Amino acid sequence: MASEQRIARLREEIKRDAGDIIHKMKDPRLGFVTVTDVEVTRDLRYATIYVSIYGEPDTVRRSLAALTSGTGHVRSELGKRLKLRHTPELAFKVDESAQRGAAIDALIAKLHEND
């Protein structure tokens, strides 16, 4: 099992490198995608990459499909950059915290409008 410090360092490396790899992908379905967080299992076998995707729900759906189909490419590129015996299996999930935050901000603004 990896130490907490090693896992934290690996999470940051994957976050930085995956963001760079995704940014360089040529898939036309990809919208504006930002890697917001990464979770790695203690045995370093699996990593969940959380992404924020700007745009309408259809754009989000297409971008997530592009990421899912490009998982092998992203994993391969990460394997070249990370110094690990085994490159983790990857999964992409949409981080909806930005949308929730914007909705809460809009509600607060509307409340202040009525004051």
N, C-alpha and C. Protein backbone atom coordinates (compact mmCIF):
# COMPACT_ATOMS: atom_id res chain seq x y z
N MET A 1 0.84 -1.20 0.00
CA MET A 1 0.00 0.00 0.00
C MET A 1 0.88 1.26 0.00
N ALA A 2 0.40 2.26 -0.67
CA ALA A 2 1.15 3.50 -0.78
C ALA A 2 0.86 4.41 0.42
N SER A 3 1.83 5.23 0.76
CA SER A 3 1.63 6.17 1.86
C SER A 3 0.69 7.29 1.41
N GLU A 4 0.11 7.95 2.39
CA GLU A 4 -0.82 9.06 2.10
C GLU A 4 -0.09 10.17 1.32
N GLN A 5 1.16 10.41 1.69
CA GLN A 5 1.93 11.45 1.01
C GLN A 5 2.19 11.08 -0.45
N ARG A 6 2.50 9.82 -0.70
CA ARG A 6 2.74 9.38 -2.08
C ARG A 6 1.45 9.46 -2.90
N ILE A 7 0.33 9.07 -2.30
CA ILE A 7 -0.96 9.15 -3.00
C ILE A 7 -1.29 10.60 -3.33
N ALA A 8 -1.08 11.50 -2.38
CA ALA A 8 -1.36 12.92 -2.61
C ALA A 8 -0.49 13.46 -3.75
N ARG A 9 0.78 13.09 -3.76
CA ARG A 9 1.68 13.54 -4.82
C ARG A 9 1.26 12.99 -6.18
N LEU A 10 0.87 11.72 -6.19
CA LEU A 10 0.43 11.08 -7.43
C LEU A 10 -0.86 11.72 -7.94
N ARG A 11 -1.77 12.04 -7.03
CA ARG A 11 -3.03 12.70 -7.43
C ARG A 11 -2.72 14.01 -8.15
N GLU A 12 -1.80 14.79 -7.60
CA GLU A 12 -1.46 16.08 -8.22
C GLU A 12 -0.77 15.88 -9.57
N GLU A 13 0.10 14.88 -9.67
CA GLU A 13 0.76 14.61 -10.94
C GLU A 13 -0.25 14.20 -12.00
N ILE A 14 -1.16 13.31 -11.63
CA ILE A 14 -2.18 12.86 -12.59
C ILE A 14 -3.07 14.03 -13.00
N LYS A 15 -3.44 14.85 -12.03
CA LYS A 15 -4.30 16.00 -12.32
C LYS A 15 -3.63 16.94 -13.33
N ARG A 16 -2.37 17.25 -13.09
CA ARG A 16 -1.63 18.15 -13.99
C ARG A 16 -1.43 17.51 -15.36
N ASP A 17 -0.93 16.27 -15.37
CA ASP A 17 -0.61 15.62 -16.64
C ASP A 17 -1.86 15.28 -17.45
N ALA A 18 -2.91 14.79 -16.79
CA ALA A 18 -4.14 14.46 -17.51
C ALA A 18 -4.75 15.72 -18.12
N GLY A 19 -4.70 16.83 -17.38
CA GLY A 19 -5.20 18.09 -17.93
C GLY A 19 -4.45 18.49 -19.19
N ASP A 20 -3.14 18.32 -19.15
CA ASP A 20 -2.31 18.65 -20.31
C ASP A 20 -2.62 17.72 -21.49
N ILE A 21 -2.74 16.43 -21.21
CA ILE A 21 -3.03 15.44 -22.27
C ILE A 21 -4.39 15.71 -22.89
N ILE A 22 -5.40 15.96 -22.06
CA ILE A 22 -6.75 16.23 -22.56
C ILE A 22 -6.75 17.50 -23.40
N HIS A 23 -6.04 18.51 -22.94
CA HIS A 23 -5.98 19.78 -23.68
C HIS A 23 -5.40 19.58 -25.08
N LYS A 24 -4.48 18.62 -25.23
CA LYS A 24 -3.84 18.37 -26.52
C LYS A 24 -4.59 17.39 -27.40
N MET A 25 -5.65 16.78 -26.88
CA MET A 25 -6.43 15.81 -27.67
C MET A 25 -7.12 16.54 -28.82
N LYS A 26 -7.22 15.87 -29.95
CA LYS A 26 -7.77 16.48 -31.17
C LYS A 26 -9.23 16.11 -31.43
N ASP A 27 -9.88 15.42 -30.50
CA ASP A 27 -11.25 14.97 -30.72
C ASP A 27 -12.19 16.18 -30.84
N PRO A 28 -12.92 16.31 -31.94
CA PRO A 28 -13.81 17.47 -32.13
C PRO A 28 -14.99 17.50 -31.16
N ARG A 29 -15.28 16.37 -30.52
CA ARG A 29 -16.40 16.35 -29.57
C ARG A 29 -16.04 17.03 -28.25
N LEU A 30 -14.75 17.19 -27.99
CA LEU A 30 -14.31 17.77 -26.72
C LEU A 30 -14.62 19.26 -26.66
N GLY A 31 -15.28 19.65 -25.59
CA GLY A 31 -15.52 21.06 -25.34
C GLY A 31 -14.42 21.59 -24.43
N PHE A 32 -14.77 22.59 -23.65
CA PHE A 32 -13.82 23.18 -22.70
C PHE A 32 -13.82 22.32 -21.45
N VAL A 33 -12.76 21.52 -21.27
CA VAL A 33 -12.67 20.54 -20.18
C VAL A 33 -11.54 20.93 -19.24
N THR A 34 -11.84 20.92 -17.94
CA THR A 34 -10.85 21.20 -16.91
C THR A 34 -10.83 20.05 -15.92
N VAL A 35 -9.66 19.52 -15.60
CA VAL A 35 -9.54 18.48 -14.58
C VAL A 35 -9.59 19.18 -13.22
N THR A 36 -10.57 18.81 -12.40
CA THR A 36 -10.74 19.47 -11.11
C THR A 36 -10.19 18.68 -9.94
N ASP A 37 -10.19 17.35 -10.05
CA ASP A 37 -9.72 16.53 -8.94
C ASP A 37 -9.41 15.12 -9.45
N VAL A 38 -8.64 14.39 -8.67
CA VAL A 38 -8.32 13.00 -8.98
C VAL A 38 -8.37 12.21 -7.69
N GLU A 39 -9.01 11.07 -7.73
CA GLU A 39 -9.00 10.14 -6.60
C GLU A 39 -8.24 8.90 -7.05
N VAL A 40 -7.35 8.41 -6.19
CA VAL A 40 -6.55 7.22 -6.49
C VAL A 40 -6.75 6.22 -5.35
N THR A 41 -6.95 4.95 -5.72
CA THR A 41 -7.09 3.93 -4.68
C THR A 41 -5.75 3.72 -3.98
N ARG A 42 -5.80 3.18 -2.78
CA ARG A 42 -4.58 2.99 -1.98
C ARG A 42 -3.57 2.06 -2.66
N ASP A 43 -4.06 1.12 -3.47
CA ASP A 43 -3.13 0.22 -4.15
C ASP A 43 -2.64 0.80 -5.50
N LEU A 44 -3.05 2.01 -5.82
CA LEU A 44 -2.64 2.75 -7.02
C LEU A 44 -3.07 2.08 -8.32
N ARG A 45 -4.05 1.21 -8.26
CA ARG A 45 -4.51 0.50 -9.46
C ARG A 45 -5.58 1.27 -10.24
N TYR A 46 -6.35 2.09 -9.55
CA TYR A 46 -7.47 2.78 -10.19
C TYR A 46 -7.43 4.27 -9.84
N ALA A 47 -7.79 5.08 -10.82
CA ALA A 47 -7.87 6.53 -10.61
C ALA A 47 -9.15 7.04 -11.25
N THR A 48 -9.86 7.88 -10.50
CA THR A 48 -11.04 8.54 -11.03
C THR A 48 -10.66 10.00 -11.25
N ILE A 49 -10.84 10.45 -12.48
CA ILE A 49 -10.51 11.82 -12.85
C ILE A 49 -11.81 12.61 -12.95
N TYR A 50 -11.93 13.63 -12.11
CA TYR A 50 -13.12 14.48 -12.13
C TYR A 50 -12.86 15.67 -13.04
N VAL A 51 -13.80 15.92 -13.95
CA VAL A 51 -13.64 17.00 -14.91
C VAL A 51 -14.84 17.94 -14.84
N SER A 52 -14.57 19.20 -15.07
CA SER A 52 -15.61 20.20 -15.21
C SER A 52 -15.68 20.51 -16.70
N ILE A 53 -16.88 20.45 -17.25
CA ILE A 53 -17.05 20.67 -18.68
C ILE A 53 -18.00 21.85 -18.86
N TYR A 54 -17.50 22.88 -19.51
CA TYR A 54 -18.29 24.08 -19.72
C TYR A 54 -19.21 23.89 -20.93
N GLY A 55 -20.48 24.25 -20.76
CA GLY A 55 -21.38 24.21 -21.90
C GLY A 55 -22.74 23.62 -21.55
N GLU A 56 -23.53 23.48 -22.58
CA GLU A 56 -24.87 22.91 -22.46
C GLU A 56 -24.78 21.42 -22.14
N PRO A 57 -25.88 20.83 -21.64
CA PRO A 57 -25.86 19.40 -21.33
C PRO A 57 -25.43 18.51 -22.49
N ASP A 58 -25.79 18.88 -23.72
CA ASP A 58 -25.38 18.09 -24.88
C ASP A 58 -23.86 18.15 -25.09
N THR A 59 -23.29 19.32 -24.87
CA THR A 59 -21.84 19.48 -24.97
C THR A 59 -21.14 18.66 -23.90
N VAL A 60 -21.69 18.68 -22.70
CA VAL A 60 -21.12 17.90 -21.59
C VAL A 60 -21.15 16.41 -21.94
N ARG A 61 -22.28 15.95 -22.45
CA ARG A 61 -22.44 14.54 -22.81
C ARG A 61 -21.45 14.12 -23.90
N ARG A 62 -21.31 14.96 -24.94
CA ARG A 62 -20.38 14.65 -26.03
C ARG A 62 -18.93 14.67 -25.53
N SER A 63 -18.60 15.63 -24.70
CA SER A 63 -17.23 15.72 -24.18
C SER A 63 -16.91 14.51 -23.30
N LEU A 64 -17.86 14.09 -22.48
CA LEU A 64 -17.63 12.92 -21.63
C LEU A 64 -17.48 11.66 -22.48
N ALA A 65 -18.25 11.57 -23.56
CA ALA A 65 -18.11 10.43 -24.48
C ALA A 65 -16.73 10.43 -25.13
N ALA A 66 -16.25 11.62 -25.50
CA ALA A 66 -14.91 11.72 -26.11
C ALA A 66 -13.84 11.31 -25.11
N LEU A 67 -13.99 11.72 -23.86
CA LEU A 67 -13.02 11.34 -22.83
C LEU A 67 -13.05 9.84 -22.58
N THR A 68 -14.25 9.28 -22.52
CA THR A 68 -14.38 7.85 -22.28
C THR A 68 -13.74 7.05 -23.42
N SER A 69 -13.98 7.48 -24.66
CA SER A 69 -13.39 6.75 -25.78
C SER A 69 -11.88 6.98 -25.87
N GLY A 70 -11.40 8.06 -25.29
CA GLY A 70 -9.97 8.36 -25.31
C GLY A 70 -9.23 7.92 -24.05
N THR A 71 -9.90 7.12 -23.21
CA THR A 71 -9.29 6.69 -21.95
C THR A 71 -7.97 5.96 -22.18
N GLY A 72 -7.92 5.09 -23.17
CA GLY A 72 -6.70 4.35 -23.46
C GLY A 72 -5.55 5.27 -23.84
N HIS A 73 -5.85 6.28 -24.63
CA HIS A 73 -4.83 7.25 -25.04
C HIS A 73 -4.32 8.02 -23.82
N VAL A 74 -5.24 8.50 -22.98
CA VAL A 74 -4.85 9.27 -21.79
C VAL A 74 -4.01 8.39 -20.86
N ARG A 75 -4.44 7.14 -20.67
CA ARG A 75 -3.70 6.22 -19.80
C ARG A 75 -2.30 5.95 -20.36
N SER A 76 -2.21 5.73 -21.67
CA SER A 76 -0.93 5.48 -22.30
C SER A 76 0.02 6.66 -22.13
N GLU A 77 -0.48 7.86 -22.35
CA GLU A 77 0.34 9.06 -22.19
C GLU A 77 0.75 9.26 -20.73
N LEU A 78 -0.17 9.00 -19.80
CA LEU A 78 0.17 9.09 -18.38
C LEU A 78 1.27 8.10 -18.03
N GLY A 79 1.18 6.89 -18.61
CA GLY A 79 2.18 5.87 -18.35
C GLY A 79 3.58 6.31 -18.77
N LYS A 80 3.65 7.11 -19.82
CA LYS A 80 4.95 7.61 -20.28
C LYS A 80 5.50 8.68 -19.34
N ARG A 81 4.60 9.40 -18.67
CA ARG A 81 5.02 10.52 -17.82
C ARG A 81 5.24 10.14 -16.36
N LEU A 82 4.44 9.20 -15.86
CA LEU A 82 4.53 8.82 -14.45
C LEU A 82 5.56 7.73 -14.25
N LYS A 83 6.19 7.75 -13.14
CA LYS A 83 7.18 6.72 -12.84
C LYS A 83 6.55 5.68 -11.91
N LEU A 84 5.72 4.84 -12.50
CA LEU A 84 5.02 3.80 -11.76
C LEU A 84 5.23 2.46 -12.43
N ARG A 85 5.16 1.42 -11.63
CA ARG A 85 5.26 0.07 -12.21
C ARG A 85 4.03 -0.22 -13.07
N HIS A 86 2.85 0.17 -12.57
CA HIS A 86 1.58 -0.03 -13.30
C HIS A 86 0.86 1.31 -13.39
N THR A 87 0.42 1.66 -14.58
CA THR A 87 -0.38 2.86 -14.75
C THR A 87 -1.80 2.54 -14.31
N PRO A 88 -2.41 3.40 -13.48
CA PRO A 88 -3.76 3.11 -12.99
C PRO A 88 -4.79 3.03 -14.11
N GLU A 89 -5.81 2.19 -13.92
CA GLU A 89 -6.98 2.19 -14.79
C GLU A 89 -7.70 3.51 -14.53
N LEU A 90 -8.21 4.13 -15.59
CA LEU A 90 -8.82 5.45 -15.46
C LEU A 90 -10.33 5.40 -15.66
N ALA A 91 -11.01 6.28 -14.94
CA ALA A 91 -12.43 6.51 -15.14
C ALA A 91 -12.64 8.02 -15.08
N PHE A 92 -13.49 8.54 -15.93
CA PHE A 92 -13.80 9.97 -15.93
C PHE A 92 -15.21 10.19 -15.37
N LYS A 93 -15.33 11.20 -14.51
CA LYS A 93 -16.63 11.58 -13.97
C LYS A 93 -16.75 13.10 -14.04
N VAL A 94 -17.97 13.57 -14.30
CA VAL A 94 -18.22 15.00 -14.38
C VAL A 94 -18.34 15.55 -12.96
N ASP A 95 -17.58 16.58 -12.67
CA ASP A 95 -17.65 17.30 -11.39
C ASP A 95 -18.66 18.42 -11.57
N GLU A 96 -19.79 18.28 -10.92
CA GLU A 96 -20.87 19.25 -11.11
C GLU A 96 -20.87 20.34 -10.05
N SER A 97 -19.82 20.44 -9.25
CA SER A 97 -19.78 21.43 -8.18
C SER A 97 -19.79 22.86 -8.73
N ALA A 98 -19.16 23.09 -9.88
CA ALA A 98 -19.14 24.44 -10.47
C ALA A 98 -20.55 24.87 -10.87
N GLN A 99 -21.31 23.94 -11.47
CA GLN A 99 -22.68 24.27 -11.86
C GLN A 99 -23.55 24.51 -10.62
N ARG A 100 -23.38 23.69 -9.60
CA ARG A 100 -24.15 23.89 -8.37
C ARG A 100 -23.79 25.22 -7.73
N GLY A 101 -22.51 25.56 -7.74
CA GLY A 101 -22.07 26.84 -7.18
C GLY A 101 -22.67 28.01 -7.93
N ALA A 102 -22.70 27.91 -9.25
CA ALA A 102 -23.29 28.99 -10.07
C ALA A 102 -24.78 29.12 -9.79
N ALA A 103 -25.46 27.99 -9.62
CA ALA A 103 -26.89 28.03 -9.32
C ALA A 103 -27.14 28.68 -7.96
N ILE A 104 -26.32 28.35 -6.99
CA ILE A 104 -26.46 28.95 -5.65
C ILE A 104 -26.18 30.44 -5.71
N ASP A 105 -25.15 30.85 -6.46
CA ASP A 105 -24.85 32.27 -6.62
C ASP A 105 -26.02 33.01 -7.26
N ALA A 106 -26.65 32.38 -8.25
CA ALA A 106 -27.80 33.01 -8.92
C ALA A 106 -28.96 33.17 -7.94
N LEU A 107 -29.19 32.16 -7.12
CA LEU A 107 -30.26 32.26 -6.11
C LEU A 107 -29.98 33.35 -5.10
N ILE A 108 -28.75 33.47 -4.65
CA ILE A 108 -28.38 34.51 -3.69
C ILE A 108 -28.54 35.87 -4.32
N ALA A 109 -28.11 36.02 -5.58
CA ALA A 109 -28.25 37.29 -6.28
C ALA A 109 -29.73 37.67 -6.42
N LYS A 110 -30.57 36.67 -6.67
CA LYS A 110 -32.01 36.93 -6.82
C LYS A 110 -32.60 37.36 -5.50
N LEU A 111 -32.16 36.77 -4.39
CA LEU A 111 -32.63 37.17 -3.07
C LEU A 111 -32.23 38.61 -2.75
N HIS A 112 -31.00 38.98 -3.10
CA HIS A 112 -30.54 40.33 -2.84
C HIS A 112 -31.25 41.34 -3.74
N GLU A 113 -31.69 40.90 -4.91
CA GLU A 113 -32.45 41.75 -5.83
C GLU A 113 -33.76 42.17 -5.19
N ASN A 114 -34.36 41.25 -4.44
CA ASN A 114 -35.68 41.50 -3.85
C ASN A 114 -35.60 42.36 -2.59
N ASP A 115 -34.40 42.57 -2.05
CA ASP A 115 -34.26 43.37 -0.82
C ASP A 115 -34.46 44.83 -1.07
